[in-house]
Amino acid sequence: DFEVDREIEGDSIADVLSYVEYDPKQVSSRFRASV
């Protein structure tokens, strides 16, 4: 059998948007306004 020694969660879409200078909260707010 095996043991999980360490787990690192992959990037979320919010993570990668923040890497390219988007603010995920602002993105969400803009979409809510459109809806």
PDB file of all heavy atoms in Angstrom:
ATOM      1  N   ASP A   1       0.847  -1.186   0.000  1.00  0.00           N
ATOM      2  CA  ASP A   1       0.000   0.000   0.000  1.00  0.00           C
ATOM      3  C   ASP A   1       0.890   1.246   0.000  1.00  0.00           C
ATOM      4  O   ASP A   1       2.105   1.156  -0.054  1.00  0.00           O
ATOM      5  CB  ASP A   1      -0.929  -0.014   1.205  1.00  0.00           C
ATOM      6  CG  ASP A   1      -2.212   0.778   0.949  1.00  0.00           C
ATOM      7  OD1 ASP A   1      -2.244   1.526  -0.048  1.00  0.00           O
ATOM      8  OD2 ASP A   1      -3.158   0.651   1.743  1.00  0.00           O
ATOM      9  N   PHE A   2       0.266   2.422   0.063  1.00  0.00           N
ATOM     10  CA  PHE A   2       1.037   3.649   0.032  1.00  0.00           C
ATOM     11  C   PHE A   2       0.515   4.630   1.061  1.00  0.00           C
ATOM     12  O   PHE A   2      -0.593   4.505   1.570  1.00  0.00           O
ATOM     13  CB  PHE A   2       0.983   4.289  -1.363  1.00  0.00           C
ATOM     14  CG  PHE A   2      -0.362   4.849  -1.739  1.00  0.00           C
ATOM     15  CD1 PHE A   2      -0.663   6.197  -1.556  1.00  0.00           C
ATOM     16  CD2 PHE A   2      -1.350   4.031  -2.285  1.00  0.00           C
ATOM     17  CE1 PHE A   2      -1.891   6.714  -1.897  1.00  0.00           C
ATOM     18  CE2 PHE A   2      -2.588   4.541  -2.635  1.00  0.00           C
ATOM     19  CZ  PHE A   2      -2.862   5.882  -2.436  1.00  0.00           C
ATOM     20  N   GLU A   3       1.349   5.614   1.349  1.00  0.00           N
ATOM     21  CA  GLU A   3       0.980   6.686   2.257  1.00  0.00           C
ATOM     22  C   GLU A   3       1.127   8.018   1.528  1.00  0.00           C
ATOM     23  O   GLU A   3       2.117   8.239   0.827  1.00  0.00           O
ATOM     24  CB  GLU A   3       1.892   6.691   3.493  1.00  0.00           C
ATOM     25  CG  GLU A   3       1.835   5.396   4.297  1.00  0.00           C
ATOM     26  CD  GLU A   3       2.908   5.357   5.382  1.00  0.00           C
ATOM     27  OE1 GLU A   3       3.739   6.306   5.415  1.00  0.00           O
ATOM     28  OE2 GLU A   3       2.929   4.397   6.165  1.00  0.00           O
ATOM     29  N   VAL A   4       0.140   8.893   1.683  1.00  0.00           N
ATOM     30  CA  VAL A   4       0.246  10.242   1.140  1.00  0.00           C
ATOM     31  C   VAL A   4       1.064  11.070   2.114  1.00  0.00           C
ATOM     32  O   VAL A   4       0.654  11.319   3.241  1.00  0.00           O
ATOM     33  CB  VAL A   4      -1.137  10.871   0.914  1.00  0.00           C
ATOM     34  CG1 VAL A   4      -1.000  12.338   0.509  1.00  0.00           C
ATOM     35  CG2 VAL A   4      -1.897  10.098  -0.169  1.00  0.00           C
ATOM     36  N   ASP A   5       2.247  11.477   1.661  1.00  0.00           N
ATOM     37  CA  ASP A   5       3.175  12.202   2.520  1.00  0.00           C
ATOM     38  C   ASP A   5       2.847  13.691   2.551  1.00  0.00           C
ATOM     39  O   ASP A   5       2.938  14.341   3.582  1.00  0.00           O
ATOM     40  CB  ASP A   5       4.600  11.993   2.007  1.00  0.00           C
ATOM     41  CG  ASP A   5       5.640  12.623   2.903  1.00  0.00           C
ATOM     42  OD1 ASP A   5       5.669  12.276   4.088  1.00  0.00           O
ATOM     43  OD2 ASP A   5       6.417  13.464   2.413  1.00  0.00           O
ATOM     44  N   ARG A   6       2.485  14.229   1.394  1.00  0.00           N
ATOM     45  CA  ARG A   6       2.143  15.637   1.311  1.00  0.00           C
ATOM     46  C   ARG A   6       1.228  15.838   0.113  1.00  0.00           C
ATOM     47  O   ARG A   6       1.419  15.226  -0.934  1.00  0.00           O
ATOM     48  CB  ARG A   6       3.405  16.483   1.167  1.00  0.00           C
ATOM     49  CG  ARG A   6       3.153  17.984   1.384  1.00  0.00           C
ATOM     50  CD  ARG A   6       4.368  18.857   1.117  1.00  0.00           C
ATOM     51  NE  ARG A   6       5.539  18.502   1.903  1.00  0.00           N
ATOM     52  CZ  ARG A   6       6.598  19.309   2.023  1.00  0.00           C
ATOM     53  NH1 ARG A   6       6.602  20.486   1.425  1.00  0.00           N
ATOM     54  NH2 ARG A   6       7.652  18.932   2.737  1.00  0.00           N
ATOM     55  N   GLU A   7       0.252  16.711   0.254  1.00  0.00           N
ATOM     56  CA  GLU A   7      -0.690  16.994  -0.828  1.00  0.00           C
ATOM     57  C   GLU A   7      -0.772  18.505  -1.028  1.00  0.00           C
ATOM     58  O   GLU A   7      -0.985  19.264  -0.085  1.00  0.00           O
ATOM     59  CB  GLU A   7      -2.074  16.432  -0.484  1.00  0.00           C
ATOM     60  CG  GLU A   7      -3.150  16.767  -1.492  1.00  0.00           C
ATOM     61  CD  GLU A   7      -4.538  16.360  -1.007  1.00  0.00           C
ATOM     62  OE1 GLU A   7      -4.629  15.545  -0.059  1.00  0.00           O
ATOM     63  OE2 GLU A   7      -5.520  16.878  -1.556  1.00  0.00           O
ATOM     64  N   ILE A   8      -0.588  18.940  -2.276  1.00  0.00           N
ATOM     65  CA  ILE A   8      -0.693  20.359  -2.626  1.00  0.00           C
ATOM     66  C   ILE A   8      -1.786  20.491  -3.677  1.00  0.00           C
ATOM     67  O   ILE A   8      -1.687  19.919  -4.771  1.00  0.00           O
ATOM     68  CB  ILE A   8       0.636  20.905  -3.169  1.00  0.00           C
ATOM     69  CG1 ILE A   8       1.753  20.697  -2.147  1.00  0.00           C
ATOM     70  CG2 ILE A   8       0.506  22.382  -3.526  1.00  0.00           C
ATOM     71  CD1 ILE A   8       3.135  21.013  -2.681  1.00  0.00           C
ATOM     72  N   GLU A   9      -2.826  21.220  -3.333  1.00  0.00           N
ATOM     73  CA  GLU A   9      -3.949  21.363  -4.248  1.00  0.00           C
ATOM     74  C   GLU A   9      -3.536  22.191  -5.458  1.00  0.00           C
ATOM     75  O   GLU A   9      -2.835  23.197  -5.346  1.00  0.00           O
ATOM     76  CB  GLU A   9      -5.119  22.036  -3.532  1.00  0.00           C
ATOM     77  CG  GLU A   9      -6.398  22.064  -4.343  1.00  0.00           C
ATOM     78  CD  GLU A   9      -7.576  22.624  -3.559  1.00  0.00           C
ATOM     79  OE1 GLU A   9      -7.353  23.116  -2.434  1.00  0.00           O
ATOM     80  OE2 GLU A   9      -8.707  22.578  -4.069  1.00  0.00           O
ATOM     81  N   GLY A  10      -3.974  21.762  -6.643  1.00  0.00           N
ATOM     82  CA  GLY A  10      -3.668  22.497  -7.862  1.00  0.00           C
ATOM     83  C   GLY A  10      -4.365  23.846  -7.902  1.00  0.00           C
ATOM     84  O   GLY A  10      -5.265  24.140  -7.106  1.00  0.00           O
ATOM     85  N   ASP A  11      -3.948  24.683  -8.845  1.00  0.00           N
ATOM     86  CA  ASP A  11      -4.507  26.029  -8.950  1.00  0.00           C
ATOM     87  C   ASP A  11      -5.998  25.995  -9.259  1.00  0.00           C
ATOM     88  O   ASP A  11      -6.460  25.215 -10.109  1.00  0.00           O
ATOM     89  CB  ASP A  11      -3.804  26.807 -10.062  1.00  0.00           C
ATOM     90  CG  ASP A  11      -2.410  27.246  -9.675  1.00  0.00           C
ATOM     91  OD1 ASP A  11      -2.172  27.433  -8.469  1.00  0.00           O
ATOM     92  OD2 ASP A  11      -1.564  27.399 -10.577  1.00  0.00           O
ATOM     93  N   SER A  12      -6.731  26.853  -8.594  1.00  0.00           N
ATOM     94  CA  SER A  12      -8.120  27.098  -8.971  1.00  0.00           C
ATOM     95  C   SER A  12      -8.149  28.156 -10.067  1.00  0.00           C
ATOM     96  O   SER A  12      -7.143  28.832 -10.341  1.00  0.00           O
ATOM     97  CB  SER A  12      -8.924  27.579  -7.765  1.00  0.00           C
ATOM     98  OG  SER A  12      -8.505  28.885  -7.385  1.00  0.00           O
ATOM     99  N   ILE A  13      -9.303  28.334 -10.689  1.00  0.00           N
ATOM    100  CA  ILE A  13      -9.435  29.379 -11.701  1.00  0.00           C
ATOM    101  C   ILE A  13      -9.217  30.751 -11.070  1.00  0.00           C
ATOM    102  O   ILE A  13      -8.586  31.633 -11.666  1.00  0.00           O
ATOM    103  CB  ILE A  13     -10.814  29.276 -12.376  1.00  0.00           C
ATOM    104  CG1 ILE A  13     -10.883  27.979 -13.192  1.00  0.00           C
ATOM    105  CG2 ILE A  13     -11.087  30.480 -13.272  1.00  0.00           C
ATOM    106  CD1 ILE A  13     -12.242  27.645 -13.726  1.00  0.00           C
ATOM    107  N   ALA A  14      -9.703  30.933  -9.847  1.00  0.00           N
ATOM    108  CA  ALA A  14      -9.458  32.203  -9.148  1.00  0.00           C
ATOM    109  C   ALA A  14      -7.965  32.441  -8.961  1.00  0.00           C
ATOM    110  O   ALA A  14      -7.478  33.570  -9.100  1.00  0.00           O
ATOM    111  CB  ALA A  14     -10.177  32.198  -7.798  1.00  0.00           C
ATOM    112  N   ASP A  15      -7.210  31.371  -8.662  1.00  0.00           N
ATOM    113  CA  ASP A  15      -5.761  31.508  -8.477  1.00  0.00           C
ATOM    114  C   ASP A  15      -5.096  32.027  -9.747  1.00  0.00           C
ATOM    115  O   ASP A  15      -4.324  32.996  -9.711  1.00  0.00           O
ATOM    116  CB  ASP A  15      -5.140  30.157  -8.109  1.00  0.00           C
ATOM    117  CG  ASP A  15      -5.524  29.687  -6.712  1.00  0.00           C
ATOM    118  OD1 ASP A  15      -5.795  30.543  -5.857  1.00  0.00           O
ATOM    119  OD2 ASP A  15      -5.547  28.460  -6.493  1.00  0.00           O
ATOM    120  N   VAL A  16      -5.374  31.365 -10.879  1.00  0.00           N
ATOM    121  CA  VAL A  16      -4.666  31.747 -12.104  1.00  0.00           C
ATOM    122  C   VAL A  16      -5.106  33.123 -12.595  1.00  0.00           C
ATOM    123  O   VAL A  16      -4.309  33.867 -13.179  1.00  0.00           O
ATOM    124  CB  VAL A  16      -4.825  30.687 -13.215  1.00  0.00           C
ATOM    125  CG1 VAL A  16      -4.228  29.366 -12.790  1.00  0.00           C
ATOM    126  CG2 VAL A  16      -6.258  30.509 -13.633  1.00  0.00           C
ATOM    127  N   LEU A  17      -6.356  33.493 -12.360  1.00  0.00           N
ATOM    128  CA  LEU A  17      -6.784  34.843 -12.731  1.00  0.00           C
ATOM    129  C   LEU A  17      -6.015  35.889 -11.925  1.00  0.00           C
ATOM    130  O   LEU A  17      -5.618  36.934 -12.456  1.00  0.00           O
ATOM    131  CB  LEU A  17      -8.285  35.009 -12.510  1.00  0.00           C
ATOM    132  CG  LEU A  17      -9.195  34.293 -13.517  1.00  0.00           C
ATOM    133  CD1 LEU A  17     -10.657  34.421 -13.103  1.00  0.00           C
ATOM    134  CD2 LEU A  17      -9.001  34.849 -14.922  1.00  0.00           C
ATOM    135  N   SER A  18      -5.780  35.598 -10.652  1.00  0.00           N
ATOM    136  CA  SER A  18      -5.029  36.547  -9.828  1.00  0.00           C
ATOM    137  C   SER A  18      -3.584  36.661 -10.293  1.00  0.00           C
ATOM    138  O   SER A  18      -2.974  37.725 -10.165  1.00  0.00           O
ATOM    139  CB  SER A  18      -5.082  36.127  -8.355  1.00  0.00           C
ATOM    140  OG  SER A  18      -4.356  34.930  -8.131  1.00  0.00           O
ATOM    141  N   TYR A  19      -3.008  35.570 -10.874  1.00  0.00           N
ATOM    142  CA  TYR A  19      -1.635  35.621 -11.364  1.00  0.00           C
ATOM    143  C   TYR A  19      -1.487  36.615 -12.521  1.00  0.00           C
ATOM    144  O   TYR A  19      -0.406  37.157 -12.742  1.00  0.00           O
ATOM    145  CB  TYR A  19      -1.159  34.247 -11.840  1.00  0.00           C
ATOM    146  CG  TYR A  19      -1.169  33.164 -10.792  1.00  0.00           C
ATOM    147  CD1 TYR A  19      -1.252  31.826 -11.151  1.00  0.00           C
ATOM    148  CD2 TYR A  19      -1.094  33.464  -9.434  1.00  0.00           C
ATOM    149  CE1 TYR A  19      -1.260  30.818 -10.209  1.00  0.00           C
ATOM    150  CE2 TYR A  19      -1.107  32.459  -8.480  1.00  0.00           C
ATOM    151  CZ  TYR A  19      -1.198  31.136  -8.876  1.00  0.00           C
ATOM    152  OH  TYR A  19      -1.217  30.146  -7.934  1.00  0.00           O
ATOM    153  N   VAL A  20      -2.576  36.800 -13.290  1.00  0.00           N
ATOM    154  CA  VAL A  20      -2.516  37.703 -14.443  1.00  0.00           C
ATOM    155  C   VAL A  20      -3.294  38.994 -14.156  1.00  0.00           C
ATOM    156  O   VAL A  20      -3.896  39.594 -15.030  1.00  0.00           O
ATOM    157  CB  VAL A  20      -3.012  37.022 -15.733  1.00  0.00           C
ATOM    158  CG1 VAL A  20      -2.014  35.997 -16.202  1.00  0.00           C
ATOM    159  CG2 VAL A  20      -4.372  36.359 -15.525  1.00  0.00           C
ATOM    160  N   GLU A  21      -3.306  39.377 -12.881  1.00  0.00           N
ATOM    161  CA  GLU A  21      -3.721  40.703 -12.416  1.00  0.00           C
ATOM    162  C   GLU A  21      -5.234  40.925 -12.363  1.00  0.00           C
ATOM    163  O   GLU A  21      -5.689  42.071 -12.280  1.00  0.00           O
ATOM    164  CB  GLU A  21      -3.045  41.801 -13.255  1.00  0.00           C
ATOM    165  CG  GLU A  21      -1.522  41.731 -13.205  1.00  0.00           C
ATOM    166  CD  GLU A  21      -0.854  42.782 -14.067  1.00  0.00           C
ATOM    167  OE1 GLU A  21      -1.559  43.652 -14.609  1.00  0.00           O
ATOM    168  OE2 GLU A  21       0.374  42.716 -14.202  1.00  0.00           O
ATOM    169  N   TYR A  22      -6.026  39.843 -12.425  1.00  0.00           N
ATOM    170  CA  TYR A  22      -7.450  39.981 -12.148  1.00  0.00           C
ATOM    171  C   TYR A  22      -7.673  39.867 -10.639  1.00  0.00           C
ATOM    172  O   TYR A  22      -6.977  39.106  -9.962  1.00  0.00           O
ATOM    173  CB  TYR A  22      -8.261  38.884 -12.852  1.00  0.00           C
ATOM    174  CG  TYR A  22      -8.295  38.982 -14.353  1.00  0.00           C
ATOM    175  CD1 TYR A  22      -7.322  38.359 -15.124  1.00  0.00           C
ATOM    176  CD2 TYR A  22      -9.297  39.685 -15.007  1.00  0.00           C
ATOM    177  CE1 TYR A  22      -7.341  38.429 -16.508  1.00  0.00           C
ATOM    178  CE2 TYR A  22      -9.340  39.761 -16.395  1.00  0.00           C
ATOM    179  CZ  TYR A  22      -8.354  39.134 -17.134  1.00  0.00           C
ATOM    180  OH  TYR A  22      -8.386  39.211 -18.502  1.00  0.00           O
ATOM    181  N   ASP A  23      -8.658  40.584 -10.147  1.00  0.00           N
ATOM    182  CA  ASP A  23      -9.107  40.418  -8.776  1.00  0.00           C
ATOM    183  C   ASP A  23     -10.340  39.519  -8.799  1.00  0.00           C
ATOM    184  O   ASP A  23     -11.387  39.926  -9.311  1.00  0.00           O
ATOM    185  CB  ASP A  23      -9.457  41.781  -8.167  1.00  0.00           C
ATOM    186  CG  ASP A  23      -9.916  41.674  -6.718  1.00  0.00           C
ATOM    187  OD1 ASP A  23     -10.269  40.562  -6.279  1.00  0.00           O
ATOM    188  OD2 ASP A  23      -9.949  42.706  -6.037  1.00  0.00           O
ATOM    189  N   PRO A  24     -10.229  38.266  -8.289  1.00  0.00           N
ATOM    190  CA  PRO A  24     -11.373  37.351  -8.367  1.00  0.00           C
ATOM    191  C   PRO A  24     -12.654  37.930  -7.774  1.00  0.00           C
ATOM    192  O   PRO A  24     -13.751  37.681  -8.294  1.00  0.00           O
ATOM    193  CB  PRO A  24     -10.895  36.121  -7.595  1.00  0.00           C
ATOM    194  CG  PRO A  24      -9.411  36.140  -7.754  1.00  0.00           C
ATOM    195  CD  PRO A  24      -9.046  37.595  -7.723  1.00  0.00           C
ATOM    196  N   LYS A  25     -12.544  38.715  -6.708  1.00  0.00           N
ATOM    197  CA  LYS A  25     -13.744  39.322  -6.129  1.00  0.00           C
ATOM    198  C   LYS A  25     -14.365  40.325  -7.088  1.00  0.00           C
ATOM    199  O   LYS A  25     -15.589  40.406  -7.228  1.00  0.00           O
ATOM    200  CB  LYS A  25     -13.395  39.997  -4.802  1.00  0.00           C
ATOM    201  CG  LYS A  25     -13.063  39.022  -3.682  1.00  0.00           C
ATOM    202  CD  LYS A  25     -12.810  39.760  -2.370  1.00  0.00           C
ATOM    203  CE  LYS A  25     -12.517  38.767  -1.243  1.00  0.00           C
ATOM    204  NZ  LYS A  25     -12.262  39.464   0.048  1.00  0.00           N
ATOM    205  N   GLN A  26     -13.520  41.084  -7.761  1.00  0.00           N
ATOM    206  CA  GLN A  26     -14.040  42.046  -8.722  1.00  0.00           C
ATOM    207  C   GLN A  26     -14.639  41.336  -9.938  1.00  0.00           C
ATOM    208  O   GLN A  26     -15.673  41.767 -10.474  1.00  0.00           O
ATOM    209  CB  GLN A  26     -12.919  42.987  -9.168  1.00  0.00           C
ATOM    210  CG  GLN A  26     -13.392  44.143 -10.035  1.00  0.00           C
ATOM    211  CD  GLN A  26     -12.259  45.043 -10.453  1.00  0.00           C
ATOM    212  OE1 GLN A  26     -11.364  44.614 -11.182  1.00  0.00           O
ATOM    213  NE2 GLN A  26     -12.284  46.281  -9.993  1.00  0.00           N
ATOM    214  N   VAL A  27     -14.005  40.267 -10.368  1.00  0.00           N
ATOM    215  CA  VAL A  27     -14.548  39.478 -11.476  1.00  0.00           C
ATOM    216  C   VAL A  27     -15.945  38.983 -11.124  1.00  0.00           C
ATOM    217  O   VAL A  27     -16.888  39.070 -11.921  1.00  0.00           O
ATOM    218  CB  VAL A  27     -13.607  38.300 -11.803  1.00  0.00           C
ATOM    219  CG1 VAL A  27     -14.289  37.300 -12.730  1.00  0.00           C
ATOM    220  CG2 VAL A  27     -12.311  38.808 -12.424  1.00  0.00           C
ATOM    221  N   SER A  28     -16.088  38.439  -9.918  1.00  0.00           N
ATOM    222  CA  SER A  28     -17.394  37.948  -9.466  1.00  0.00           C
ATOM    223  C   SER A  28     -18.415  39.077  -9.392  1.00  0.00           C
ATOM    224  O   SER A  28     -19.562  38.931  -9.808  1.00  0.00           O
ATOM    225  CB  SER A  28     -17.232  37.265  -8.104  1.00  0.00           C
ATOM    226  OG  SER A  28     -18.466  36.791  -7.638  1.00  0.00           O
ATOM    227  N   SER A  29     -17.986  40.208  -8.871  1.00  0.00           N
ATOM    228  CA  SER A  29     -18.892  41.351  -8.741  1.00  0.00           C
ATOM    229  C   SER A  29     -19.366  41.835 -10.102  1.00  0.00           C
ATOM    230  O   SER A  29     -20.559  42.143 -10.302  1.00  0.00           O
ATOM    231  CB  SER A  29     -18.186  42.473  -7.990  1.00  0.00           C
ATOM    232  OG  SER A  29     -19.003  43.618  -7.899  1.00  0.00           O
ATOM    233  N   ARG A  30     -18.464  41.889 -11.071  1.00  0.00           N
ATOM    234  CA  ARG A  30     -18.844  42.322 -12.414  1.00  0.00           C
ATOM    235  C   ARG A  30     -19.869  41.367 -13.027  1.00  0.00           C
ATOM    236  O   ARG A  30     -20.834  41.800 -13.670  1.00  0.00           O
ATOM    237  CB  ARG A  30     -17.597  42.391 -13.309  1.00  0.00           C
ATOM    238  CG  ARG A  30     -16.710  43.595 -13.071  1.00  0.00           C
ATOM    239  CD  ARG A  30     -15.422  43.461 -13.865  1.00  0.00           C
ATOM    240  NE  ARG A  30     -14.610  44.653 -13.804  1.00  0.00           N
ATOM    241  CZ  ARG A  30     -14.630  45.660 -14.683  1.00  0.00           C
ATOM    242  NH1 ARG A  30     -15.458  45.594 -15.716  1.00  0.00           N
ATOM    243  NH2 ARG A  30     -13.856  46.706 -14.545  1.00  0.00           N
ATOM    244  N   PHE A  31     -19.654  40.061 -12.827  1.00  0.00           N
ATOM    245  CA  PHE A  31     -20.586  39.092 -13.397  1.00  0.00           C
ATOM    246  C   PHE A  31     -21.948  39.190 -12.716  1.00  0.00           C
ATOM    247  O   PHE A  31     -22.995  39.116 -13.377  1.00  0.00           O
ATOM    248  CB  PHE A  31     -20.029  37.669 -13.267  1.00  0.00           C
ATOM    249  CG  PHE A  31     -20.926  36.635 -13.882  1.00  0.00           C
ATOM    250  CD1 PHE A  31     -21.011  36.490 -15.254  1.00  0.00           C
ATOM    251  CD2 PHE A  31     -21.705  35.795 -13.084  1.00  0.00           C
ATOM    252  CE1 PHE A  31     -21.839  35.541 -15.829  1.00  0.00           C
ATOM    253  CE2 PHE A  31     -22.542  34.856 -13.640  1.00  0.00           C
ATOM    254  CZ  PHE A  31     -22.609  34.723 -15.029  1.00  0.00           C
ATOM    255  N   ARG A  32     -21.963  39.340 -11.403  1.00  0.00           N
ATOM    256  CA  ARG A  32     -23.236  39.485 -10.681  1.00  0.00           C
ATOM    257  C   ARG A  32     -24.020  40.694 -11.196  1.00  0.00           C
ATOM    258  O   ARG A  32     -25.242  40.643 -11.320  1.00  0.00           O
ATOM    259  CB  ARG A  32     -22.973  39.627  -9.181  1.00  0.00           C
ATOM    260  CG  ARG A  32     -22.578  38.341  -8.482  1.00  0.00           C
ATOM    261  CD  ARG A  32     -22.149  38.614  -7.041  1.00  0.00           C
ATOM    262  NE  ARG A  32     -21.791  37.398  -6.353  1.00  0.00           N
ATOM    263  CZ  ARG A  32     -22.635  36.683  -5.601  1.00  0.00           C
ATOM    264  NH1 ARG A  32     -23.885  37.092  -5.455  1.00  0.00           N
ATOM    265  NH2 ARG A  32     -22.234  35.579  -5.000  1.00  0.00           N
ATOM    266  N   ALA A  33     -23.297  41.773 -11.497  1.00  0.00           N
ATOM    267  CA  ALA A  33     -23.972  42.956 -12.030  1.00  0.00           C
ATOM    268  C   ALA A  33     -24.610  42.655 -13.386  1.00  0.00           C
ATOM    269  O   ALA A  33     -25.730  43.114 -13.675  1.00  0.00           O
ATOM    270  CB  ALA A  33     -22.974  44.106 -12.148  1.00  0.00           C
ATOM    271  N   SER A  34     -23.911  41.883 -14.218  1.00  0.00           N
ATOM    272  CA  SER A  34     -24.472  41.519 -15.525  1.00  0.00           C
ATOM    273  C   SER A  34     -25.728  40.663 -15.365  1.00  0.00           C
ATOM    274  O   SER A  34     -26.720  40.843 -16.079  1.00  0.00           O
ATOM    275  CB  SER A  34     -23.426  40.762 -16.348  1.00  0.00           C
ATOM    276  OG  SER A  34     -22.314  41.574 -16.633  1.00  0.00           O
ATOM    277  N   VAL A  35     -25.684  39.718 -14.406  1.00  0.00           N
ATOM    278  CA  VAL A  35     -26.845  38.857 -14.171  1.00  0.00           C
ATOM    279  C   VAL A  35     -28.019  39.675 -13.629  1.00  0.00           C
ATOM    280  O   VAL A  35     -29.178  39.472 -14.014  1.00  0.00           O
ATOM    281  CB  VAL A  35     -26.474  37.718 -13.200  1.00  0.00           C
ATOM    282  CG1 VAL A  35     -27.693  36.849 -12.903  1.00  0.00           C
ATOM    283  CG2 VAL A  35     -25.357  36.856 -13.790  1.00  0.00           C
TER     284      VAL A  35
END
